[in-house]
PDB file of all heavy atoms in Angstrom:
ATOM      1  N   ASP A   1      -7.059  -1.804   0.667  1.00  0.00           N
ATOM      2  CA  ASP A   1      -8.181  -0.947   1.056  1.00  0.00           C
ATOM      3  C   ASP A   1      -8.572   0.043  -0.027  1.00  0.00           C
ATOM      4  O   ASP A   1      -9.448   0.883   0.172  1.00  0.00           O
ATOM      5  CB  ASP A   1      -7.861  -0.207   2.352  1.00  0.00           C
ATOM      6  CG  ASP A   1      -6.669   0.738   2.215  1.00  0.00           C
ATOM      7  OD1 ASP A   1      -6.081   0.804   1.109  1.00  0.00           O
ATOM      8  OD2 ASP A   1      -6.316   1.405   3.212  1.00  0.00           O
ATOM      9  N   GLY A   2      -7.945  -0.029  -1.210  1.00  0.00           N
ATOM     10  CA  GLY A   2      -8.288   0.832  -2.326  1.00  0.00           C
ATOM     11  C   GLY A   2      -7.430   2.069  -2.441  1.00  0.00           C
ATOM     12  O   GLY A   2      -7.581   2.836  -3.406  1.00  0.00           O
ATOM     13  N   ALA A   3      -6.503   2.306  -1.509  1.00  0.00           N
ATOM     14  CA  ALA A   3      -5.623   3.474  -1.591  1.00  0.00           C
ATOM     15  C   ALA A   3      -4.685   3.332  -2.785  1.00  0.00           C
ATOM     16  O   ALA A   3      -4.225   2.237  -3.113  1.00  0.00           O
ATOM     17  CB  ALA A   3      -4.822   3.619  -0.299  1.00  0.00           C
ATOM     18  N   ILE A   4      -4.409   4.460  -3.436  1.00  0.00           N
ATOM     19  CA  ILE A   4      -3.664   4.474  -4.692  1.00  0.00           C
ATOM     20  C   ILE A   4      -2.436   5.374  -4.584  1.00  0.00           C
ATOM     21  O   ILE A   4      -2.504   6.499  -4.062  1.00  0.00           O
ATOM     22  CB  ILE A   4      -4.554   4.989  -5.841  1.00  0.00           C
ATOM     23  CG1 ILE A   4      -5.700   4.015  -6.123  1.00  0.00           C
ATOM     24  CG2 ILE A   4      -3.738   5.243  -7.110  1.00  0.00           C
ATOM     25  CD1 ILE A   4      -5.271   2.693  -6.686  1.00  0.00           C
ATOM     26  N   VAL A   5      -1.303   4.886  -5.110  1.00  0.00           N
ATOM     27  CA  VAL A   5      -0.111   5.693  -5.370  1.00  0.00           C
ATOM     28  C   VAL A   5       0.226   5.503  -6.847  1.00  0.00           C
ATOM     29  O   VAL A   5       0.342   4.363  -7.316  1.00  0.00           O
ATOM     30  CB  VAL A   5       1.080   5.279  -4.492  1.00  0.00           C
ATOM     31  CG1 VAL A   5       2.351   5.995  -4.943  1.00  0.00           C
ATOM     32  CG2 VAL A   5       0.803   5.574  -3.025  1.00  0.00           C
ATOM     33  N   ALA A   6       0.353   6.609  -7.571  1.00  0.00           N
ATOM     34  CA  ALA A   6       0.646   6.551  -9.003  1.00  0.00           C
ATOM     35  C   ALA A   6       2.062   7.062  -9.250  1.00  0.00           C
ATOM     36  O   ALA A   6       2.475   8.067  -8.675  1.00  0.00           O
ATOM     37  CB  ALA A   6      -0.364   7.384  -9.791  1.00  0.00           C
ATOM     38  N   ILE A   7       2.796   6.355 -10.108  1.00  0.00           N
ATOM     39  CA  ILE A   7       4.214   6.649 -10.311  1.00  0.00           C
ATOM     40  C   ILE A   7       4.514   6.768 -11.802  1.00  0.00           C
ATOM     41  O   ILE A   7       4.139   5.901 -12.594  1.00  0.00           O
ATOM     42  CB  ILE A   7       5.092   5.544  -9.693  1.00  0.00           C
ATOM     43  CG1 ILE A   7       4.824   5.435  -8.185  1.00  0.00           C
ATOM     44  CG2 ILE A   7       6.572   5.815  -9.950  1.00  0.00           C
ATOM     45  CD1 ILE A   7       5.503   4.246  -7.530  1.00  0.00           C
ATOM     46  N   GLU A   8       5.195   7.846 -12.158  1.00  0.00           N
ATOM     47  CA  GLU A   8       5.762   8.004 -13.489  1.00  0.00           C
ATOM     48  C   GLU A   8       7.277   7.884 -13.386  1.00  0.00           C
ATOM     49  O   GLU A   8       7.879   8.307 -12.393  1.00  0.00           O
ATOM     50  CB  GLU A   8       5.401   9.366 -14.083  1.00  0.00           C
ATOM     51  CG  GLU A   8       3.983   9.452 -14.641  1.00  0.00           C
ATOM     52  CD  GLU A   8       3.861   8.733 -15.973  1.00  0.00           C
ATOM     53  OE1 GLU A   8       4.224   9.323 -17.004  1.00  0.00           O
ATOM     54  OE2 GLU A   8       3.424   7.563 -15.974  1.00  0.00           O
ATOM     55  N   ILE A   9       7.910   7.326 -14.404  1.00  0.00           N
ATOM     56  CA  ILE A   9       9.359   7.119 -14.401  1.00  0.00           C
ATOM     57  C   ILE A   9       9.916   7.709 -15.683  1.00  0.00           C
ATOM     58  O   ILE A   9       9.528   7.303 -16.788  1.00  0.00           O
ATOM     59  CB  ILE A   9       9.696   5.619 -14.314  1.00  0.00           C
ATOM     60  CG1 ILE A   9       9.055   4.995 -13.069  1.00  0.00           C
ATOM     61  CG2 ILE A   9      11.207   5.410 -14.300  1.00  0.00           C
ATOM     62  CD1 ILE A   9       8.651   3.559 -13.233  1.00  0.00           C
ATOM     63  N   LYS A  10      10.811   8.676 -15.554  1.00  0.00           N
ATOM     64  CA  LYS A  10      11.353   9.370 -16.722  1.00  0.00           C
ATOM     65  C   LYS A  10      12.870   9.426 -16.666  1.00  0.00           C
ATOM     66  O   LYS A  10      13.453   9.657 -15.613  1.00  0.00           O
ATOM     67  CB  LYS A  10      10.809  10.803 -16.804  1.00  0.00           C
ATOM     68  CG  LYS A  10       9.287  10.904 -16.914  1.00  0.00           C
ATOM     69  CD  LYS A  10       8.774  10.315 -18.209  1.00  0.00           C
ATOM     70  CE  LYS A  10       7.253  10.462 -18.321  1.00  0.00           C
ATOM     71  NZ  LYS A  10       6.708   9.756 -19.507  1.00  0.00           N
ATOM     72  N   ALA A  11      13.502   9.231 -17.819  1.00  0.00           N
ATOM     73  CA  ALA A  11      14.956   9.325 -17.923  1.00  0.00           C
ATOM     74  C   ALA A  11      15.357  10.764 -18.170  1.00  0.00           C
ATOM     75  O   ALA A  11      16.064  11.087 -19.129  1.00  0.00           O
ATOM     76  CB  ALA A  11      15.455   8.418 -19.045  1.00  0.00           C
ATOM     77  N   THR A  12      14.922  11.652 -17.286  1.00  0.00           N
ATOM     78  CA  THR A  12      15.233  13.074 -17.419  1.00  0.00           C
ATOM     79  C   THR A  12      15.907  13.576 -16.166  1.00  0.00           C
ATOM     80  O   THR A  12      15.552  13.178 -15.054  1.00  0.00           O
ATOM     81  CB  THR A  12      13.967  13.905 -17.701  1.00  0.00           C
ATOM     82  OG1 THR A  12      14.325  15.283 -17.796  1.00  0.00           O
ATOM     83  CG2 THR A  12      12.936  13.732 -16.596  1.00  0.00           C
ATOM     84  N   SER A  13      16.877  14.449 -16.328  1.00  0.00           N
ATOM     85  CA  SER A  13      17.512  15.120 -15.198  1.00  0.00           C
ATOM     86  C   SER A  13      16.916  16.504 -14.971  1.00  0.00           C
ATOM     87  O   SER A  13      17.369  17.239 -14.097  1.00  0.00           O
ATOM     88  CB  SER A  13      19.026  15.241 -15.440  1.00  0.00           C
ATOM     89  OG  SER A  13      19.608  13.966 -15.572  1.00  0.00           O
ATOM     90  N   SER A  14      15.901  16.860 -15.762  1.00  0.00           N
ATOM     91  CA  SER A  14      15.245  18.166 -15.645  1.00  0.00           C
ATOM     92  C   SER A  14      13.739  17.966 -15.511  1.00  0.00           C
ATOM     93  O   SER A  14      12.963  18.321 -16.411  1.00  0.00           O
ATOM     94  CB  SER A  14      15.562  19.027 -16.872  1.00  0.00           C
ATOM     95  OG  SER A  14      16.954  19.164 -17.068  1.00  0.00           O
ATOM     96  N   PRO A  15      13.295  17.385 -14.401  1.00  0.00           N
ATOM     97  CA  PRO A  15      11.862  17.073 -14.244  1.00  0.00           C
ATOM     98  C   PRO A  15      11.037  18.328 -14.030  1.00  0.00           C
ATOM     99  O   PRO A  15      11.510  19.327 -13.464  1.00  0.00           O
ATOM    100  CB  PRO A  15      11.835  16.188 -12.998  1.00  0.00           C
ATOM    101  CG  PRO A  15      13.008  16.651 -12.195  1.00  0.00           C
ATOM    102  CD  PRO A  15      14.063  17.007 -13.198  1.00  0.00           C
ATOM    103  N   THR A  16       9.804  18.293 -14.495  1.00  0.00           N
ATOM    104  CA  THR A  16       8.873  19.400 -14.297  1.00  0.00           C
ATOM    105  C   THR A  16       7.534  18.845 -13.846  1.00  0.00           C
ATOM    106  O   THR A  16       7.267  17.638 -13.960  1.00  0.00           O
ATOM    107  CB  THR A  16       8.663  20.194 -15.592  1.00  0.00           C
ATOM    108  OG1 THR A  16       7.957  19.373 -16.542  1.00  0.00           O
ATOM    109  CG2 THR A  16       9.994  20.639 -16.198  1.00  0.00           C
ATOM    110  N   ARG A  17       6.679  19.740 -13.379  1.00  0.00           N
ATOM    111  CA  ARG A  17       5.342  19.316 -12.995  1.00  0.00           C
ATOM    112  C   ARG A  17       4.585  18.737 -14.189  1.00  0.00           C
ATOM    113  O   ARG A  17       3.720  17.869 -14.030  1.00  0.00           O
ATOM    114  CB  ARG A  17       4.581  20.500 -12.402  1.00  0.00           C
ATOM    115  CG  ARG A  17       3.154  20.157 -12.000  1.00  0.00           C
ATOM    116  CD  ARG A  17       2.478  21.291 -11.299  1.00  0.00           C
ATOM    117  NE  ARG A  17       1.091  20.976 -10.995  1.00  0.00           N
ATOM    118  CZ  ARG A  17       0.310  21.676 -10.195  1.00  0.00           C
ATOM    119  NH1 ARG A  17       0.800  22.761  -9.608  1.00  0.00           N
ATOM    120  NH2 ARG A  17      -0.939  21.310  -9.977  1.00  0.00           N
ATOM    121  N   GLY A  18       4.916  19.202 -15.385  1.00  0.00           N
ATOM    122  CA  GLY A  18       4.243  18.704 -16.577  1.00  0.00           C
ATOM    123  C   GLY A  18       4.391  17.205 -16.775  1.00  0.00           C
ATOM    124  O   GLY A  18       3.521  16.565 -17.381  1.00  0.00           O
ATOM    125  N   HIS A  19       5.487  16.639 -16.266  1.00  0.00           N
ATOM    126  CA  HIS A  19       5.667  15.200 -16.379  1.00  0.00           C
ATOM    127  C   HIS A  19       4.630  14.419 -15.557  1.00  0.00           C
ATOM    128  O   HIS A  19       4.470  13.213 -15.740  1.00  0.00           O
ATOM    129  CB  HIS A  19       7.069  14.806 -15.912  1.00  0.00           C
ATOM    130  CG  HIS A  19       8.158  15.196 -16.863  1.00  0.00           C
ATOM    131  ND1 HIS A  19       9.157  16.089 -16.540  1.00  0.00           N
ATOM    132  CD2 HIS A  19       8.394  14.825 -18.143  1.00  0.00           C
ATOM    133  CE1 HIS A  19       9.974  16.236 -17.558  1.00  0.00           C
ATOM    134  NE2 HIS A  19       9.526  15.480 -18.550  1.00  0.00           N
ATOM    135  N   LEU A  20       3.951  15.122 -14.652  1.00  0.00           N
ATOM    136  CA  LEU A  20       2.935  14.478 -13.808  1.00  0.00           C
ATOM    137  C   LEU A  20       1.512  14.836 -14.239  1.00  0.00           C
ATOM    138  O   LEU A  20       0.570  14.665 -13.470  1.00  0.00           O
ATOM    139  CB  LEU A  20       3.138  14.871 -12.344  1.00  0.00           C
ATOM    140  CG  LEU A  20       4.295  14.163 -11.626  1.00  0.00           C
ATOM    141  CD1 LEU A  20       4.572  14.833 -10.283  1.00  0.00           C
ATOM    142  CD2 LEU A  20       3.997  12.682 -11.430  1.00  0.00           C
ATOM    143  N   SER A  21       1.361  15.304 -15.460  1.00  0.00           N
ATOM    144  CA  SER A  21       0.033  15.749 -15.898  1.00  0.00           C
ATOM    145  C   SER A  21      -0.987  14.609 -15.896  1.00  0.00           C
ATOM    146  O   SER A  21      -2.139  14.796 -15.482  1.00  0.00           O
ATOM    147  CB  SER A  21       0.115  16.383 -17.292  1.00  0.00           C
ATOM    148  OG  SER A  21       0.609  15.440 -18.240  1.00  0.00           O
ATOM    149  N   GLN A  22      -0.577  13.405 -16.343  1.00  0.00           N
ATOM    150  CA  GLN A  22      -1.514  12.284 -16.366  1.00  0.00           C
ATOM    151  C   GLN A  22      -1.842  11.821 -14.943  1.00  0.00           C
ATOM    152  O   GLN A  22      -2.978  11.437 -14.638  1.00  0.00           O
ATOM    153  CB  GLN A  22      -0.921  11.116 -17.159  1.00  0.00           C
ATOM    154  CG  GLN A  22      -0.432  11.480 -18.544  1.00  0.00           C
ATOM    155  CD  GLN A  22      -1.511  12.087 -19.419  1.00  0.00           C
ATOM    156  OE1 GLN A  22      -2.674  11.697 -19.349  1.00  0.00           O
ATOM    157  NE2 GLN A  22      -1.138  13.052 -20.242  1.00  0.00           N
ATOM    158  N   VAL A  23      -0.846  11.859 -14.057  1.00  0.00           N
ATOM    159  CA  VAL A  23      -1.081  11.506 -12.661  1.00  0.00           C
ATOM    160  C   VAL A  23      -2.029  12.511 -12.013  1.00  0.00           C
ATOM    161  O   VAL A  23      -2.913  12.149 -11.230  1.00  0.00           O
ATOM    162  CB  VAL A  23       0.250  11.421 -11.894  1.00  0.00           C
ATOM    163  CG1 VAL A  23       0.022  11.215 -10.405  1.00  0.00           C
ATOM    164  CG2 VAL A  23       1.112  10.294 -12.460  1.00  0.00           C
ATOM    165  N   GLY A  24      -1.851  13.788 -12.357  1.00  0.00           N
ATOM    166  CA  GLY A  24      -2.757  14.809 -11.847  1.00  0.00           C
ATOM    167  C   GLY A  24      -4.183  14.593 -12.311  1.00  0.00           C
ATOM    168  O   GLY A  24      -5.140  14.806 -11.543  1.00  0.00           O
ATOM    169  N   TRP A  25      -4.328  14.142 -13.555  1.00  0.00           N
ATOM    170  CA  TRP A  25      -5.672  13.824 -14.045  1.00  0.00           C
ATOM    171  C   TRP A  25      -6.291  12.695 -13.227  1.00  0.00           C
ATOM    172  O   TRP A  25      -7.460  12.764 -12.838  1.00  0.00           O
ATOM    173  CB  TRP A  25      -5.604  13.412 -15.517  1.00  0.00           C
ATOM    174  CG  TRP A  25      -6.896  12.804 -15.995  1.00  0.00           C
ATOM    175  CD1 TRP A  25      -8.007  13.462 -16.430  1.00  0.00           C
ATOM    176  CD2 TRP A  25      -7.215  11.398 -16.019  1.00  0.00           C
ATOM    177  NE1 TRP A  25      -9.004  12.548 -16.732  1.00  0.00           N
ATOM    178  CE2 TRP A  25      -8.544  11.287 -16.491  1.00  0.00           C
ATOM    179  CE3 TRP A  25      -6.508  10.245 -15.706  1.00  0.00           C
ATOM    180  CZ2 TRP A  25      -9.165  10.056 -16.647  1.00  0.00           C
ATOM    181  CZ3 TRP A  25      -7.124   9.018 -15.855  1.00  0.00           C
ATOM    182  CH2 TRP A  25      -8.440   8.921 -16.331  1.00  0.00           C
ATOM    183  N   LEU A  26      -5.497  11.654 -12.948  1.00  0.00           N
ATOM    184  CA  LEU A  26      -6.008  10.537 -12.168  1.00  0.00           C
ATOM    185  C   LEU A  26      -6.387  10.990 -10.755  1.00  0.00           C
ATOM    186  O   LEU A  26      -7.421  10.576 -10.211  1.00  0.00           O
ATOM    187  CB  LEU A  26      -4.962   9.425 -12.096  1.00  0.00           C
ATOM    188  CG  LEU A  26      -5.362   8.182 -11.291  1.00  0.00           C
ATOM    189  CD1 LEU A  26      -6.562   7.487 -11.915  1.00  0.00           C
ATOM    190  CD2 LEU A  26      -4.189   7.215 -11.162  1.00  0.00           C
ATOM    191  N   ARG A  27      -5.565  11.845 -10.161  1.00  0.00           N
ATOM    192  CA  ARG A  27      -5.893  12.389  -8.828  1.00  0.00           C
ATOM    193  C   ARG A  27      -7.247  13.081  -8.846  1.00  0.00           C
ATOM    194  O   ARG A  27      -8.099  12.814  -7.973  1.00  0.00           O
ATOM    195  CB  ARG A  27      -4.805  13.367  -8.408  1.00  0.00           C
ATOM    196  CG  ARG A  27      -5.075  14.105  -7.106  1.00  0.00           C
ATOM    197  CD  ARG A  27      -4.265  15.393  -7.032  1.00  0.00           C
ATOM    198  NE  ARG A  27      -4.608  16.277  -8.140  1.00  0.00           N
ATOM    199  CZ  ARG A  27      -3.881  17.341  -8.498  1.00  0.00           C
ATOM    200  NH1 ARG A  27      -2.768  17.633  -7.853  1.00  0.00           N
ATOM    201  NH2 ARG A  27      -4.273  18.095  -9.510  1.00  0.00           N
ATOM    202  N   ASP A  28      -7.447  13.944  -9.813  1.00  0.00           N
ATOM    203  CA  ASP A  28      -8.705  14.693  -9.875  1.00  0.00           C
ATOM    204  C   ASP A  28      -9.887  13.765 -10.121  1.00  0.00           C
ATOM    205  O   ASP A  28     -10.974  13.948  -9.544  1.00  0.00           O
ATOM    206  CB  ASP A  28      -8.627  15.753 -10.982  1.00  0.00           C
ATOM    207  CG  ASP A  28      -7.581  16.814 -10.690  1.00  0.00           C
ATOM    208  OD1 ASP A  28      -7.154  16.931  -9.519  1.00  0.00           O
ATOM    209  OD2 ASP A  28      -7.162  17.512 -11.642  1.00  0.00           O
ATOM    210  N   ARG A  29      -9.688  12.772 -10.968  1.00  0.00           N
ATOM    211  CA  ARG A  29     -10.761  11.826 -11.273  1.00  0.00           C
ATOM    212  C   ARG A  29     -11.159  11.037 -10.022  1.00  0.00           C
ATOM    213  O   ARG A  29     -12.338  10.891  -9.701  1.00  0.00           O
ATOM    214  CB  ARG A  29     -10.285  10.878 -12.383  1.00  0.00           C
ATOM    215  CG  ARG A  29     -11.251   9.779 -12.743  1.00  0.00           C
ATOM    216  CD  ARG A  29     -12.447  10.294 -13.488  1.00  0.00           C
ATOM    217  NE  ARG A  29     -13.251   9.205 -14.021  1.00  0.00           N
ATOM    218  CZ  ARG A  29     -14.506   9.347 -14.400  1.00  0.00           C
ATOM    219  NH1 ARG A  29     -15.112  10.514 -14.276  1.00  0.00           N
ATOM    220  NH2 ARG A  29     -15.176   8.325 -14.898  1.00  0.00           N
ATOM    221  N   LEU A  30     -10.148  10.526  -9.296  1.00  0.00           N
ATOM    222  CA  LEU A  30     -10.442   9.756  -8.094  1.00  0.00           C
ATOM    223  C   LEU A  30     -11.021  10.643  -6.990  1.00  0.00           C
ATOM    224  O   LEU A  30     -11.891  10.203  -6.229  1.00  0.00           O
ATOM    225  CB  LEU A  30      -9.181   9.049  -7.598  1.00  0.00           C
ATOM    226  CG  LEU A  30      -8.710   7.857  -8.452  1.00  0.00           C
ATOM    227  CD1 LEU A  30      -7.380   7.334  -7.930  1.00  0.00           C
ATOM    228  CD2 LEU A  30      -9.752   6.748  -8.462  1.00  0.00           C
TER     229      LEU A  30
END
């Protein structure tokens, strides 16, 4: 139906919101 889930995968034990910056861009665009 066009619904989207975007996933980033990082080998970090110290995740931050910054790791989702590209996903946030896609959210705003959509």
